[in-house]
Amino acid sequence: MKKYVSLLIVLLISSQLYAQDLPILKAALTSLHPGIERYETPAQVDSLFTALELGTRKPLSQAQYYILLSQAITHIRCGHTYLNYWNQDKAIKEALYSKTVPPVLFRLIGRKMIITHNLSRSPLVKPGDEVLSINGSPIKGIVDSLLTVSPSDGQHGQFYPYYKSRQLRQPAC
């Protein structure tokens, strides 16, 4: 089942006929995903796809569409259902994902980013340091943005405000 949904999502992203693809995605998820209504009622699933359809009424880049799909899929609240980097073809990976990675390992504690390992040669960064911003963007905003596309199971993400809203954030790509 996961292979079919993953294949469908790859096809949807590469087709660039975003609004026309949504009925296919909805039909596939509602008929193939065993937990689609575990945490969402049929009306909530309909509302989610309505929000997704509204988000695709204006022209979107491939990256913007990918973010909207990712946000929508997180509302299923199944940690196994997400737009997986490893299931994308090379062209989509190159178009959508950055090759830049921070030279540190870290843990998110609440909405704080705490360094656990310094992989750079700089002696200024130490385990236990808190990262306050990246390129001028506050970490709290980055974390909130990432949580809109991060998979979780069941109620594990319930305390974040984006789960309470049926609105999908318009990506800033």
N, C-alpha and C. Protein backbone atom coordinates (compact mmCIF):
# COMPACT_ATOMS: atom_id res chain seq x y z
N MET A 1 0.82 -1.19 0.00
CA MET A 1 0.00 0.00 0.00
C MET A 1 0.87 1.26 0.00
N LYS A 2 1.93 1.27 0.84
CA LYS A 2 2.78 2.45 0.91
C LYS A 2 3.46 2.71 -0.43
N LYS A 3 3.83 1.63 -1.15
CA LYS A 3 4.48 1.80 -2.45
C LYS A 3 3.55 2.50 -3.42
N TYR A 4 2.27 2.13 -3.42
CA TYR A 4 1.33 2.73 -4.35
C TYR A 4 1.08 4.20 -4.04
N VAL A 5 0.93 4.52 -2.77
CA VAL A 5 0.71 5.92 -2.39
C VAL A 5 1.95 6.74 -2.69
N SER A 6 3.15 6.20 -2.40
CA SER A 6 4.39 6.91 -2.70
C SER A 6 4.54 7.14 -4.19
N LEU A 7 4.26 6.14 -5.00
CA LEU A 7 4.33 6.28 -6.45
C LEU A 7 3.35 7.34 -6.93
N LEU A 8 2.15 7.32 -6.39
CA LEU A 8 1.14 8.30 -6.77
C LEU A 8 1.61 9.72 -6.45
N ILE A 9 2.21 9.91 -5.29
CA ILE A 9 2.67 11.24 -4.90
C ILE A 9 3.79 11.71 -5.82
N VAL A 10 4.73 10.83 -6.17
CA VAL A 10 5.79 11.20 -7.11
C VAL A 10 5.18 11.63 -8.44
N LEU A 11 4.21 10.88 -8.93
CA LEU A 11 3.57 11.23 -10.19
C LEU A 11 2.84 12.57 -10.09
N LEU A 12 2.19 12.82 -8.97
CA LEU A 12 1.47 14.08 -8.80
C LEU A 12 2.41 15.27 -8.80
N ILE A 13 3.53 15.14 -8.11
CA ILE A 13 4.48 16.24 -8.02
C ILE A 13 5.10 16.54 -9.38
N SER A 14 5.37 15.50 -10.14
CA SER A 14 6.02 15.72 -11.43
C SER A 14 5.05 16.14 -12.53
N SER A 15 3.75 15.98 -12.32
CA SER A 15 2.80 16.28 -13.39
C SER A 15 2.53 17.78 -13.56
N GLN A 16 2.62 18.57 -12.49
CA GLN A 16 2.35 20.01 -12.48
C GLN A 16 0.92 20.38 -12.88
N LEU A 17 0.00 19.46 -12.78
CA LEU A 17 -1.43 19.75 -12.95
C LEU A 17 -2.07 19.61 -11.58
N TYR A 18 -1.62 20.43 -10.66
CA TYR A 18 -1.86 20.23 -9.24
C TYR A 18 -3.33 20.07 -8.86
N ALA A 19 -4.18 21.01 -9.21
CA ALA A 19 -5.58 20.94 -8.78
C ALA A 19 -6.29 19.74 -9.39
N GLN A 20 -5.91 19.34 -10.61
CA GLN A 20 -6.54 18.20 -11.25
C GLN A 20 -6.12 16.88 -10.61
N ASP A 21 -4.97 16.86 -9.95
CA ASP A 21 -4.47 15.63 -9.33
C ASP A 21 -5.12 15.33 -7.99
N LEU A 22 -5.69 16.33 -7.35
CA LEU A 22 -6.17 16.16 -5.98
C LEU A 22 -7.28 15.12 -5.85
N PRO A 23 -8.26 15.04 -6.77
CA PRO A 23 -9.26 13.98 -6.65
C PRO A 23 -8.63 12.58 -6.72
N ILE A 24 -7.58 12.43 -7.50
CA ILE A 24 -6.89 11.13 -7.59
C ILE A 24 -6.22 10.82 -6.26
N LEU A 25 -5.53 11.81 -5.69
CA LEU A 25 -4.88 11.61 -4.40
C LEU A 25 -5.89 11.29 -3.31
N LYS A 26 -6.99 12.03 -3.28
CA LYS A 26 -8.02 11.79 -2.26
C LYS A 26 -8.60 10.39 -2.41
N ALA A 27 -8.90 9.98 -3.64
CA ALA A 27 -9.46 8.64 -3.87
C ALA A 27 -8.46 7.56 -3.44
N ALA A 28 -7.19 7.76 -3.76
CA ALA A 28 -6.19 6.77 -3.38
C ALA A 28 -6.04 6.68 -1.86
N LEU A 29 -5.94 7.82 -1.20
CA LEU A 29 -5.77 7.80 0.25
C LEU A 29 -7.01 7.25 0.97
N THR A 30 -8.20 7.66 0.54
CA THR A 30 -9.40 7.20 1.25
C THR A 30 -9.69 5.73 0.98
N SER A 31 -9.23 5.21 -0.13
CA SER A 31 -9.49 3.79 -0.39
C SER A 31 -8.34 2.88 0.02
N LEU A 32 -7.10 3.39 0.06
CA LEU A 32 -5.95 2.54 0.35
C LEU A 32 -5.37 2.70 1.75
N HIS A 33 -5.50 3.88 2.34
CA HIS A 33 -4.86 4.11 3.65
C HIS A 33 -5.74 3.57 4.77
N PRO A 34 -5.22 2.59 5.52
CA PRO A 34 -6.06 1.97 6.56
C PRO A 34 -6.39 2.89 7.73
N GLY A 35 -5.62 3.96 7.93
CA GLY A 35 -5.87 4.82 9.08
C GLY A 35 -6.36 6.21 8.72
N ILE A 36 -6.84 6.40 7.51
CA ILE A 36 -7.24 7.74 7.06
C ILE A 36 -8.31 8.35 7.97
N GLU A 37 -9.17 7.51 8.53
CA GLU A 37 -10.23 8.02 9.41
C GLU A 37 -10.01 7.64 10.87
N ARG A 38 -8.78 7.30 11.22
CA ARG A 38 -8.49 6.97 12.61
C ARG A 38 -8.57 8.21 13.50
N TYR A 39 -8.03 9.33 13.02
CA TYR A 39 -8.02 10.56 13.80
C TYR A 39 -8.83 11.67 13.15
N GLU A 40 -9.31 11.45 11.95
CA GLU A 40 -10.08 12.44 11.21
C GLU A 40 -11.41 11.83 10.79
N THR A 41 -12.46 12.57 10.90
CA THR A 41 -13.76 12.12 10.42
C THR A 41 -13.79 12.27 8.89
N PRO A 42 -14.73 11.61 8.22
CA PRO A 42 -14.84 11.82 6.77
C PRO A 42 -15.04 13.30 6.43
N ALA A 43 -15.77 14.03 7.25
CA ALA A 43 -15.97 15.47 7.00
C ALA A 43 -14.65 16.23 7.13
N GLN A 44 -13.82 15.86 8.09
CA GLN A 44 -12.52 16.51 8.25
C GLN A 44 -11.60 16.20 7.08
N VAL A 45 -11.65 14.97 6.58
CA VAL A 45 -10.85 14.61 5.41
C VAL A 45 -11.31 15.44 4.21
N ASP A 46 -12.63 15.56 4.04
CA ASP A 46 -13.16 16.41 2.96
C ASP A 46 -12.69 17.85 3.12
N SER A 47 -12.74 18.35 4.34
CA SER A 47 -12.31 19.72 4.62
C SER A 47 -10.83 19.91 4.30
N LEU A 48 -10.03 18.91 4.62
CA LEU A 48 -8.60 18.97 4.32
C LEU A 48 -8.36 19.07 2.82
N PHE A 49 -9.07 18.26 2.06
CA PHE A 49 -8.89 18.31 0.60
C PHE A 49 -9.48 19.58 0.00
N THR A 50 -10.51 20.13 0.63
CA THR A 50 -11.03 21.42 0.19
C THR A 50 -9.98 22.50 0.39
N ALA A 51 -9.33 22.48 1.55
CA ALA A 51 -8.26 23.46 1.82
C ALA A 51 -7.10 23.28 0.83
N LEU A 52 -6.77 22.05 0.53
CA LEU A 52 -5.70 21.78 -0.42
C LEU A 52 -6.09 22.27 -1.82
N GLU A 53 -7.32 22.04 -2.20
CA GLU A 53 -7.80 22.49 -3.51
C GLU A 53 -7.78 24.02 -3.59
N LEU A 54 -8.19 24.69 -2.51
CA LEU A 54 -8.15 26.16 -2.49
C LEU A 54 -6.72 26.67 -2.62
N GLY A 55 -5.79 25.95 -2.01
CA GLY A 55 -4.39 26.35 -2.07
C GLY A 55 -3.77 26.18 -3.44
N THR A 56 -4.39 25.38 -4.29
CA THR A 56 -3.83 25.13 -5.63
C THR A 56 -4.58 25.89 -6.72
N ARG A 57 -5.45 26.79 -6.36
CA ARG A 57 -6.20 27.55 -7.37
C ARG A 57 -5.36 28.59 -8.08
N LYS A 58 -4.28 29.02 -7.46
CA LYS A 58 -3.40 29.97 -8.13
C LYS A 58 -2.12 29.23 -8.53
N PRO A 59 -1.38 29.78 -9.46
CA PRO A 59 -0.15 29.10 -9.90
C PRO A 59 0.82 28.89 -8.74
N LEU A 60 1.37 27.70 -8.66
CA LEU A 60 2.34 27.35 -7.63
C LEU A 60 3.59 26.77 -8.28
N SER A 61 4.71 27.00 -7.64
CA SER A 61 5.93 26.33 -8.07
C SER A 61 5.84 24.88 -7.59
N GLN A 62 6.72 24.07 -8.11
CA GLN A 62 6.77 22.67 -7.69
C GLN A 62 7.08 22.59 -6.20
N ALA A 63 7.97 23.45 -5.71
CA ALA A 63 8.32 23.46 -4.29
C ALA A 63 7.12 23.85 -3.42
N GLN A 64 6.37 24.86 -3.84
CA GLN A 64 5.19 25.28 -3.09
C GLN A 64 4.15 24.16 -3.03
N TYR A 65 3.95 23.48 -4.13
CA TYR A 65 2.99 22.36 -4.17
C TYR A 65 3.44 21.23 -3.25
N TYR A 66 4.72 20.95 -3.27
CA TYR A 66 5.28 19.89 -2.42
C TYR A 66 5.05 20.21 -0.94
N ILE A 67 5.24 21.47 -0.58
CA ILE A 67 5.02 21.88 0.82
C ILE A 67 3.54 21.75 1.18
N LEU A 68 2.64 22.21 0.30
CA LEU A 68 1.20 22.09 0.57
C LEU A 68 0.79 20.62 0.73
N LEU A 69 1.30 19.76 -0.15
CA LEU A 69 0.99 18.33 -0.02
C LEU A 69 1.53 17.78 1.30
N SER A 70 2.75 18.16 1.64
CA SER A 70 3.35 17.70 2.90
C SER A 70 2.52 18.14 4.10
N GLN A 71 2.07 19.39 4.08
CA GLN A 71 1.24 19.88 5.18
C GLN A 71 -0.07 19.11 5.26
N ALA A 72 -0.68 18.84 4.12
CA ALA A 72 -1.95 18.12 4.11
C ALA A 72 -1.78 16.70 4.63
N ILE A 73 -0.74 16.03 4.18
CA ILE A 73 -0.52 14.63 4.57
C ILE A 73 -0.27 14.50 6.07
N THR A 74 0.34 15.52 6.71
CA THR A 74 0.58 15.42 8.16
C THR A 74 -0.73 15.35 8.94
N HIS A 75 -1.82 15.85 8.36
CA HIS A 75 -3.10 15.83 9.08
C HIS A 75 -3.67 14.42 9.19
N ILE A 76 -3.14 13.48 8.43
CA ILE A 76 -3.57 12.09 8.57
C ILE A 76 -3.05 11.53 9.89
N ARG A 77 -1.97 12.13 10.37
CA ARG A 77 -1.34 11.77 11.65
C ARG A 77 -0.88 10.31 11.68
N CYS A 78 -0.30 9.87 10.58
CA CYS A 78 0.32 8.55 10.50
C CYS A 78 1.80 8.77 10.22
N GLY A 79 2.64 8.35 11.13
CA GLY A 79 4.07 8.54 10.97
C GLY A 79 4.67 7.84 9.77
N HIS A 80 3.93 6.92 9.17
CA HIS A 80 4.41 6.21 7.99
C HIS A 80 3.98 6.88 6.69
N THR A 81 3.13 7.88 6.77
CA THR A 81 2.58 8.53 5.58
C THR A 81 3.10 9.95 5.51
N TYR A 82 4.01 10.17 4.59
CA TYR A 82 4.60 11.49 4.39
C TYR A 82 5.28 11.51 3.03
N LEU A 83 5.62 12.68 2.55
CA LEU A 83 6.33 12.79 1.28
C LEU A 83 7.80 12.49 1.57
N ASN A 84 8.22 11.32 1.21
CA ASN A 84 9.51 10.78 1.59
C ASN A 84 10.59 11.17 0.59
N TYR A 85 11.65 11.77 1.08
CA TYR A 85 12.80 12.14 0.25
C TYR A 85 13.32 10.94 -0.53
N TRP A 86 13.43 9.80 0.10
CA TRP A 86 14.04 8.62 -0.52
C TRP A 86 13.19 8.05 -1.65
N ASN A 87 11.92 8.37 -1.70
CA ASN A 87 11.04 7.85 -2.75
C ASN A 87 10.95 8.79 -3.95
N GLN A 88 11.67 9.89 -3.94
CA GLN A 88 11.60 10.85 -5.05
C GLN A 88 12.68 10.53 -6.08
N ASP A 89 12.39 10.83 -7.34
CA ASP A 89 13.42 10.61 -8.35
C ASP A 89 14.48 11.72 -8.24
N LYS A 90 15.60 11.51 -8.92
CA LYS A 90 16.75 12.40 -8.78
C LYS A 90 16.42 13.85 -9.13
N ALA A 91 15.65 14.06 -10.19
CA ALA A 91 15.32 15.43 -10.62
C ALA A 91 14.52 16.16 -9.55
N ILE A 92 13.58 15.48 -8.91
CA ILE A 92 12.78 16.12 -7.85
C ILE A 92 13.65 16.39 -6.63
N LYS A 93 14.51 15.46 -6.26
CA LYS A 93 15.42 15.69 -5.14
C LYS A 93 16.28 16.92 -5.38
N GLU A 94 16.83 17.03 -6.58
CA GLU A 94 17.70 18.16 -6.89
C GLU A 94 16.93 19.48 -6.93
N ALA A 95 15.67 19.43 -7.37
CA ALA A 95 14.88 20.66 -7.47
C ALA A 95 14.35 21.13 -6.11
N LEU A 96 14.05 20.19 -5.21
CA LEU A 96 13.34 20.55 -3.99
C LEU A 96 14.17 20.55 -2.71
N TYR A 97 15.26 19.84 -2.69
CA TYR A 97 16.01 19.69 -1.44
C TYR A 97 17.36 20.37 -1.52
N SER A 98 17.73 21.03 -0.46
CA SER A 98 19.01 21.72 -0.37
C SER A 98 20.13 20.70 -0.14
N LYS A 99 21.28 21.03 -0.68
CA LYS A 99 22.46 20.20 -0.43
C LYS A 99 23.27 20.76 0.75
N THR A 100 22.84 21.91 1.25
CA THR A 100 23.52 22.55 2.37
C THR A 100 23.01 21.97 3.68
N VAL A 101 23.92 21.53 4.51
CA VAL A 101 23.55 21.01 5.83
C VAL A 101 24.38 21.72 6.89
N PRO A 102 23.80 21.94 8.06
CA PRO A 102 24.58 22.60 9.11
C PRO A 102 25.69 21.67 9.62
N PRO A 103 26.86 22.23 9.96
CA PRO A 103 27.97 21.40 10.43
C PRO A 103 27.86 21.04 11.92
N VAL A 104 26.65 20.79 12.36
CA VAL A 104 26.42 20.43 13.76
C VAL A 104 25.32 19.38 13.83
N LEU A 105 25.33 18.63 14.91
CA LEU A 105 24.20 17.78 15.26
C LEU A 105 23.49 18.48 16.42
N PHE A 106 22.19 18.31 16.50
CA PHE A 106 21.44 19.05 17.51
C PHE A 106 20.21 18.26 17.92
N ARG A 107 19.64 18.70 19.02
CA ARG A 107 18.36 18.18 19.49
C ARG A 107 17.42 19.37 19.63
N LEU A 108 16.17 19.12 19.29
CA LEU A 108 15.16 20.14 19.55
C LEU A 108 14.55 19.83 20.89
N ILE A 109 14.62 20.76 21.78
CA ILE A 109 14.02 20.62 23.10
C ILE A 109 12.97 21.71 23.18
N GLY A 110 11.72 21.29 23.07
CA GLY A 110 10.65 22.26 22.90
C GLY A 110 10.87 22.94 21.56
N ARG A 111 11.02 24.25 21.60
CA ARG A 111 11.30 25.00 20.37
C ARG A 111 12.70 25.59 20.41
N LYS A 112 13.59 24.94 21.16
CA LYS A 112 14.99 25.36 21.24
C LYS A 112 15.86 24.35 20.52
N MET A 113 16.87 24.86 19.81
CA MET A 113 17.83 24.02 19.10
C MET A 113 19.13 24.01 19.91
N ILE A 114 19.45 22.84 20.46
CA ILE A 114 20.63 22.70 21.31
C ILE A 114 21.66 21.84 20.60
N ILE A 115 22.88 22.36 20.47
CA ILE A 115 23.97 21.63 19.81
C ILE A 115 24.37 20.43 20.66
N THR A 116 24.48 19.27 20.02
CA THR A 116 24.98 18.07 20.71
C THR A 116 26.39 17.71 20.25
N HIS A 117 26.71 18.00 18.99
CA HIS A 117 28.04 17.70 18.44
C HIS A 117 28.43 18.78 17.43
N ASN A 118 29.66 19.23 17.52
CA ASN A 118 30.19 20.18 16.56
C ASN A 118 30.96 19.39 15.50
N LEU A 119 30.50 19.42 14.25
CA LEU A 119 31.17 18.71 13.17
C LEU A 119 32.08 19.64 12.36
N SER A 120 32.09 20.91 12.74
CA SER A 120 32.96 21.87 12.06
C SER A 120 34.31 21.92 12.78
N ARG A 121 35.20 22.71 12.23
CA ARG A 121 36.52 22.88 12.86
C ARG A 121 36.55 24.10 13.78
N SER A 122 35.41 24.77 13.90
CA SER A 122 35.36 25.98 14.71
C SER A 122 35.29 25.64 16.20
N PRO A 123 36.20 26.20 16.98
CA PRO A 123 36.15 25.97 18.43
C PRO A 123 35.09 26.81 19.13
N LEU A 124 34.43 27.71 18.38
CA LEU A 124 33.44 28.60 18.99
C LEU A 124 32.12 27.89 19.28
N VAL A 125 31.85 26.79 18.59
CA VAL A 125 30.59 26.06 18.76
C VAL A 125 30.85 24.88 19.68
N LYS A 126 30.05 24.80 20.76
CA LYS A 126 30.26 23.75 21.76
C LYS A 126 28.96 23.01 22.04
N PRO A 127 29.04 21.73 22.36
CA PRO A 127 27.83 21.03 22.79
C PRO A 127 27.18 21.77 23.96
N GLY A 128 25.86 21.89 23.89
CA GLY A 128 25.13 22.62 24.91
C GLY A 128 24.77 24.03 24.49
N ASP A 129 25.45 24.54 23.45
CA ASP A 129 25.11 25.87 22.94
C ASP A 129 23.72 25.84 22.33
N GLU A 130 23.01 26.96 22.47
CA GLU A 130 21.69 27.09 21.85
C GLU A 130 21.81 27.93 20.59
N VAL A 131 21.25 27.44 19.49
CA VAL A 131 21.21 28.21 18.25
C VAL A 131 19.96 29.09 18.33
N LEU A 132 20.14 30.39 18.19
CA LEU A 132 19.03 31.32 18.31
C LEU A 132 18.41 31.67 16.96
N SER A 133 19.24 31.66 15.90
CA SER A 133 18.72 31.98 14.56
C SER A 133 19.63 31.35 13.52
N ILE A 134 19.09 31.20 12.33
CA ILE A 134 19.87 30.75 11.17
C ILE A 134 19.63 31.75 10.06
N ASN A 135 20.70 32.35 9.59
CA ASN A 135 20.61 33.38 8.55
C ASN A 135 19.58 34.46 8.89
N GLY A 136 19.51 34.83 10.15
CA GLY A 136 18.61 35.90 10.57
C GLY A 136 17.20 35.45 10.90
N SER A 137 16.87 34.18 10.64
CA SER A 137 15.53 33.67 10.96
C SER A 137 15.55 33.02 12.34
N PRO A 138 14.68 33.47 13.25
CA PRO A 138 14.65 32.88 14.59
C PRO A 138 14.32 31.38 14.54
N ILE A 139 14.98 30.62 15.39
CA ILE A 139 14.79 29.17 15.43
C ILE A 139 13.34 28.81 15.72
N LYS A 140 12.66 29.54 16.59
CA LYS A 140 11.26 29.22 16.90
C LYS A 140 10.41 29.24 15.64
N GLY A 141 10.63 30.21 14.76
CA GLY A 141 9.89 30.27 13.51
C GLY A 141 10.24 29.12 12.58
N ILE A 142 11.52 28.76 12.54
CA ILE A 142 11.96 27.63 11.71
C ILE A 142 11.33 26.34 12.21
N VAL A 143 11.35 26.13 13.53
CA VAL A 143 10.76 24.92 14.11
C VAL A 143 9.27 24.87 13.82
N ASP A 144 8.57 25.99 14.03
CA ASP A 144 7.13 26.02 13.75
C ASP A 144 6.85 25.68 12.29
N SER A 145 7.67 26.20 11.40
CA SER A 145 7.51 25.92 9.97
C SER A 145 7.74 24.44 9.67
N LEU A 146 8.78 23.87 10.25
CA LEU A 146 9.08 22.45 10.01
C LEU A 146 8.01 21.53 10.59
N LEU A 147 7.42 21.93 11.70
CA LEU A 147 6.38 21.09 12.30
C LEU A 147 5.14 20.98 11.42
N THR A 148 4.94 21.92 10.50
CA THR A 148 3.77 21.82 9.61
C THR A 148 3.93 20.71 8.59
N VAL A 149 5.15 20.20 8.42
CA VAL A 149 5.38 19.14 7.43
C VAL A 149 5.99 17.89 8.04
N SER A 150 6.09 17.84 9.36
CA SER A 150 6.71 16.70 10.04
C SER A 150 5.67 15.66 10.39
N PRO A 151 5.90 14.41 9.99
CA PRO A 151 4.93 13.37 10.33
C PRO A 151 4.95 13.04 11.82
N SER A 152 3.79 12.66 12.33
CA SER A 152 3.69 12.19 13.71
C SER A 152 2.53 11.22 13.78
N ASP A 153 2.56 10.38 14.78
CA ASP A 153 1.48 9.42 14.96
C ASP A 153 0.48 9.94 15.98
N GLY A 154 -0.77 9.83 15.63
CA GLY A 154 -1.85 10.11 16.56
C GLY A 154 -1.81 11.47 17.18
N GLN A 155 -1.86 11.50 18.49
CA GLN A 155 -1.97 12.75 19.23
C GLN A 155 -0.62 13.39 19.54
N HIS A 156 0.49 12.82 19.06
CA HIS A 156 1.81 13.32 19.43
C HIS A 156 2.08 14.76 19.00
N GLY A 157 1.39 15.26 18.01
CA GLY A 157 1.61 16.62 17.57
C GLY A 157 0.48 17.55 17.95
N GLN A 158 -0.46 17.10 18.77
CA GLN A 158 -1.68 17.85 19.03
C GLN A 158 -1.48 19.20 19.69
N PHE A 159 -0.41 19.41 20.43
CA PHE A 159 -0.29 20.68 21.13
C PHE A 159 0.22 21.79 20.21
N TYR A 160 0.58 21.48 18.99
CA TYR A 160 1.00 22.53 18.06
C TYR A 160 -0.22 23.09 17.35
N PRO A 161 -0.28 24.40 17.21
CA PRO A 161 -1.50 25.04 16.71
C PRO A 161 -1.88 24.68 15.28
N TYR A 162 -0.95 24.25 14.44
CA TYR A 162 -1.31 23.97 13.06
C TYR A 162 -2.21 22.76 12.93
N TYR A 163 -2.22 21.87 13.91
CA TYR A 163 -3.12 20.73 13.84
C TYR A 163 -4.57 21.13 14.08
N LYS A 164 -4.77 22.23 14.78
CA LYS A 164 -6.11 22.64 15.13
C LYS A 164 -6.80 23.36 13.97
N SER A 165 -6.02 23.79 12.99
CA SER A 165 -6.56 24.56 11.89
C SER A 165 -6.70 23.68 10.66
N ARG A 166 -7.75 23.88 9.90
CA ARG A 166 -7.90 23.17 8.63
C ARG A 166 -7.20 23.93 7.52
N GLN A 167 -6.68 25.12 7.84
CA GLN A 167 -6.01 25.90 6.81
C GLN A 167 -4.58 25.41 6.65
N LEU A 168 -4.14 25.37 5.41
CA LEU A 168 -2.76 25.04 5.11
C LEU A 168 -2.02 26.35 4.88
N ARG A 169 -0.82 26.45 5.40
CA ARG A 169 -0.03 27.68 5.24
C ARG A 169 0.46 27.78 3.80
N GLN A 170 0.39 28.97 3.27
CA GLN A 170 0.92 29.19 1.93
C GLN A 170 2.44 29.22 2.05
N PRO A 171 3.14 28.33 1.35
CA PRO A 171 4.59 28.29 1.45
C PRO A 171 5.25 29.57 0.95
N ALA A 172 6.37 29.90 1.52
CA ALA A 172 7.07 31.13 1.17
C ALA A 172 8.16 30.90 0.12
N CYS A 173 8.08 29.83 -0.64
CA CYS A 173 9.10 29.54 -1.66
C CYS A 173 9.04 30.52 -2.80
